[in-house]
C-alpha atoms as a PDB file:
ATOM      1  CA  MET A   1       7.214   6.803 -19.082  1.00  0.00           C
ATOM      2  CA  ALA A   2      10.170   6.161 -17.047  1.00  0.00           C
ATOM      3  CA  ALA A   3      11.223   2.544 -16.218  1.00  0.00           C
ATOM      4  CA  LYS A   4      10.911   3.388 -12.540  1.00  0.00           C
ATOM      5  CA  ASP A   5       7.429   4.811 -12.865  1.00  0.00           C
ATOM      6  CA  GLU A   6       6.443   1.888 -15.004  1.00  0.00           C
ATOM      7  CA  LEU A   7       7.558  -0.438 -12.264  1.00  0.00           C
ATOM      8  CA  GLY A   8       5.699   1.132  -9.871  1.00  0.00           C
ATOM      9  CA  LYS A   9       2.222   1.078 -11.692  1.00  0.00           C
ATOM     10  CA  THR A  10       3.010  -2.731 -12.497  1.00  0.00           C
ATOM     11  CA  GLY A  11       3.644  -3.115  -8.705  1.00  0.00           C
ATOM     12  CA  GLU A  12       0.577  -1.303  -7.555  1.00  0.00           C
ATOM     13  CA  ARG A  13      -1.757  -3.294 -10.076  1.00  0.00           C
ATOM     14  CA  LEU A  14      -0.259  -6.519  -8.782  1.00  0.00           C
ATOM     15  CA  ALA A  15      -0.900  -5.469  -5.259  1.00  0.00           C
ATOM     16  CA  VAL A  16      -4.677  -4.494  -6.090  1.00  0.00           C
ATOM     17  CA  ASP A  17      -5.089  -7.947  -7.629  1.00  0.00           C
ATOM     18  CA  PHE A  18      -3.371  -9.655  -4.591  1.00  0.00           C
ATOM     19  CA  LEU A  19      -5.792  -7.815  -2.233  1.00  0.00           C
ATOM     20  CA  ARG A  20      -8.812  -8.781  -4.192  1.00  0.00           C
ATOM     21  CA  ALA A  21      -7.793 -12.354  -4.413  1.00  0.00           C
ATOM     22  CA  ALA A  22      -7.342 -12.292  -0.707  1.00  0.00           C
ATOM     23  CA  GLY A  23     -10.888 -11.101  -0.604  1.00  0.00           C
ATOM     24  CA  MET A  24     -10.535  -7.497   0.378  1.00  0.00           C
ATOM     25  CA  GLU A  25     -12.336  -4.756  -1.279  1.00  0.00           C
ATOM     26  CA  VAL A  26     -10.238  -1.961  -2.920  1.00  0.00           C
ATOM     27  CA  LEU A  27     -11.888   1.490  -1.983  1.00  0.00           C
ATOM     28  CA  SER A  28      -9.604   3.688  -3.600  1.00  0.00           C
ATOM     29  CA  ARG A  29      -6.153   3.899  -5.217  1.00  0.00           C
ATOM     30  CA  ASN A  30      -3.606   6.862  -5.181  1.00  0.00           C
ATOM     31  CA  TRP A  31      -5.741   8.978  -2.802  1.00  0.00           C
ATOM     32  CA  ARG A  32      -4.001  12.248  -2.378  1.00  0.00           C
ATOM     33  CA  CYS A  33      -4.598  15.169  -0.020  1.00  0.00           C
ATOM     34  CA  GLY A  34      -2.321  18.148   0.915  1.00  0.00           C
ATOM     35  CA  ALA A  35      -0.775  16.051   3.627  1.00  0.00           C
ATOM     36  CA  GLY A  36       0.258  13.130   1.239  1.00  0.00           C
ATOM     37  CA  GLU A  37      -0.936  10.037  -0.677  1.00  0.00           C
ATOM     38  CA  ILE A  38      -2.220   6.684   0.075  1.00  0.00           C
ATOM     39  CA  ASP A  39      -1.548   4.020  -2.570  1.00  0.00           C
ATOM     40  CA  ILE A  40      -4.405   1.679  -1.767  1.00  0.00           C
ATOM     41  CA  VAL A  41      -7.360   2.038   0.571  1.00  0.00           C
ATOM     42  CA  ALA A  42      -9.190  -1.049   0.929  1.00  0.00           C
ATOM     43  CA  ARG A  43     -11.698  -2.977   3.437  1.00  0.00           C
ATOM     44  CA  ASP A  44     -11.044  -6.171   5.098  1.00  0.00           C
ATOM     45  CA  GLY A  45     -14.322  -6.705   6.583  1.00  0.00           C
ATOM     46  CA  ARG A  46     -14.983  -4.280   9.095  1.00  0.00           C
ATOM     47  CA  VAL A  47     -11.368  -3.024   9.012  1.00  0.00           C
ATOM     48  CA  LEU A  48     -10.068   0.045   6.957  1.00  0.00           C
ATOM     49  CA  VAL A  49      -6.660  -1.061   5.475  1.00  0.00           C
ATOM     50  CA  VAL A  50      -4.306   1.499   4.203  1.00  0.00           C
ATOM     51  CA  VAL A  51      -1.655   0.047   2.040  1.00  0.00           C
ATOM     52  CA  GLU A  52       1.674   1.068   1.021  1.00  0.00           C
ATOM     53  CA  VAL A  53       2.977  -0.524  -2.089  1.00  0.00           C
ATOM     54  CA  LYS A  54       6.917  -0.774  -2.432  1.00  0.00           C
ATOM     55  CA  THR A  55       8.309  -2.377  -5.736  1.00  0.00           C
ATOM     56  CA  ARG A  56      11.865  -2.989  -6.349  1.00  0.00           C
ATOM     57  CA  SER A  57      13.792  -4.428  -9.080  1.00  0.00           C
ATOM     58  CA  GLY A  58      16.912  -5.321  -6.894  1.00  0.00           C
ATOM     59  CA  ARG A  59      18.213  -4.999  -3.621  1.00  0.00           C
ATOM     60  CA  SER A  60      21.145  -2.500  -4.239  1.00  0.00           C
ATOM     61  CA  HIS A  61      19.243   0.016  -1.765  1.00  0.00           C
ATOM     62  CA  GLY A  62      17.857  -2.660   0.519  1.00  0.00           C
ATOM     63  CA  THR A  63      14.415  -4.701   0.356  1.00  0.00           C
ATOM     64  CA  ALA A  64      11.249  -3.114  -0.594  1.00  0.00           C
ATOM     65  CA  LEU A  65      10.015  -3.733   2.860  1.00  0.00           C
ATOM     66  CA  GLU A  66      12.909  -2.113   4.403  1.00  0.00           C
ATOM     67  CA  SER A  67      12.187   1.010   2.710  1.00  0.00           C
ATOM     68  CA  VAL A  68       9.133   1.643   4.837  1.00  0.00           C
ATOM     69  CA  THR A  69      10.248   3.649   7.968  1.00  0.00           C
ATOM     70  CA  GLN A  70       8.329   4.210  11.148  1.00  0.00           C
ATOM     71  CA  GLU A  71       7.674   7.661  10.156  1.00  0.00           C
ATOM     72  CA  LYS A  72       5.980   6.610   6.939  1.00  0.00           C
ATOM     73  CA  VAL A  73       3.773   4.193   8.733  1.00  0.00           C
ATOM     74  CA  LEU A  74       2.734   7.265  11.335  1.00  0.00           C
ATOM     75  CA  ARG A  75       1.934   9.469   8.344  1.00  0.00           C
ATOM     76  CA  LEU A  76      -0.220   6.657   6.815  1.00  0.00           C
ATOM     77  CA  ARG A  77      -2.202   6.349   9.900  1.00  0.00           C
ATOM     78  CA  SER A  78      -2.743  10.316   9.832  1.00  0.00           C
ATOM     79  CA  LEU A  79      -3.661  10.100   6.281  1.00  0.00           C
ATOM     80  CA  ALA A  80      -6.205   7.278   7.080  1.00  0.00           C
ATOM     81  CA  GLY A  81      -7.957   9.639   9.380  1.00  0.00           C
ATOM     82  CA  ARG A  82      -8.098  12.413   6.544  1.00  0.00           C
ATOM     83  CA  TRP A  83      -9.535   9.617   4.178  1.00  0.00           C
ATOM     84  CA  LEU A  84     -12.227   8.634   6.716  1.00  0.00           C
ATOM     85  CA  ALA A  85     -13.077  12.338   7.426  1.00  0.00           C
ATOM     86  CA  ALA A  86     -13.546  12.868   3.513  1.00  0.00           C
ATOM     87  CA  GLN A  87     -15.736   9.789   3.048  1.00  0.00           C
ATOM     88  CA  GLY A  88     -17.795   9.643   6.007  1.00  0.00           C
ATOM     89  CA  GLU A  89     -17.678   5.937   6.326  1.00  0.00           C
ATOM     90  CA  TRP A  90     -17.115   4.100   9.878  1.00  0.00           C
ATOM     91  CA  PHE A  91     -15.035   1.231  10.324  1.00  0.00           C
ATOM     92  CA  ASP A  92     -14.308  -0.963  13.654  1.00  0.00           C
ATOM     93  CA  SER A  93     -10.532  -0.281  13.046  1.00  0.00           C
ATOM     94  CA  ILE A  94      -7.594   0.958  11.066  1.00  0.00           C
ATOM     95  CA  ARG A  95      -4.735  -1.208   9.838  1.00  0.00           C
ATOM     96  CA  VAL A  96      -1.545  -0.356   8.047  1.00  0.00           C
ATOM     97  CA  ASP A  97      -0.293  -2.813   5.739  1.00  0.00           C
ATOM     98  CA  VAL A  98       2.798  -3.039   3.272  1.00  0.00           C
ATOM     99  CA  ILE A  99       2.833  -4.957   0.078  1.00  0.00           C
ATOM    100  CA  ALA A 100       6.354  -5.414  -0.972  1.00  0.00           C
ATOM    101  CA  LEU A 101       7.273  -6.523  -4.545  1.00  0.00           C
ATOM    102  CA  GLU A 102      10.407  -7.439  -5.794  1.00  0.00           C
ATOM    103  CA  ARG A 103      11.224  -8.369  -9.225  1.00  0.00           C
ATOM    104  CA  PHE A 104      14.159 -10.913  -9.870  1.00  0.00           C
ATOM    105  CA  ALA A 105      14.858 -12.278 -13.776  1.00  0.00           C
ATOM    106  CA  GLY A 106      11.176 -10.839 -14.675  1.00  0.00           C
ATOM    107  CA  ASP A 107       9.153 -12.703 -11.824  1.00  0.00           C
ATOM    108  CA  PHE A 108       7.670 -10.767  -8.975  1.00  0.00           C
ATOM    109  CA  SER A 109       7.717 -11.904  -5.320  1.00  0.00           C
ATOM    110  CA  ILE A 110       5.034 -10.591  -3.074  1.00  0.00           C
ATOM    111  CA  ARG A 111       5.335 -10.100   0.383  1.00  0.00           C
ATOM    112  CA  HIS A 112       2.382  -8.987   2.607  1.00  0.00           C
ATOM    113  CA  GLU A 113       2.918  -7.464   5.889  1.00  0.00           C
ATOM    114  CA  ARG A 114      -0.035  -6.673   7.813  1.00  0.00           C
ATOM    115  CA  GLY A 115      -0.638  -4.164  10.601  1.00  0.00           C
ATOM    116  CA  LEU A 116       2.755  -2.279  10.991  1.00  0.00           C
ATOM    117  CA  VAL A 117       2.858  -0.127  13.925  1.00  0.00           C
END
């Protein structure tokens, strides 16, 4: 596996652990449909949380958080609707979060941004 792919898998695993430790229930990982992919789908009480995970090993191309564009957030909202239709579950609201992980000298820093609009 390429180093970039391994870094991404590690980031997603750390993000899942982080969300569970925060009391969220992970419902799905790497959910795909014809319109795209959701890295993590979680439940935070009665809120459906769609999580984009971005992992970087440096800042030569900007921070992990900066790589999530408004277009990406809008696409994730649309994908959340498709996920809901496929599952038939009901939630009070939908939230788009980003977990940005950056690795420096072997250690990861984690930043959780809730409710991107």
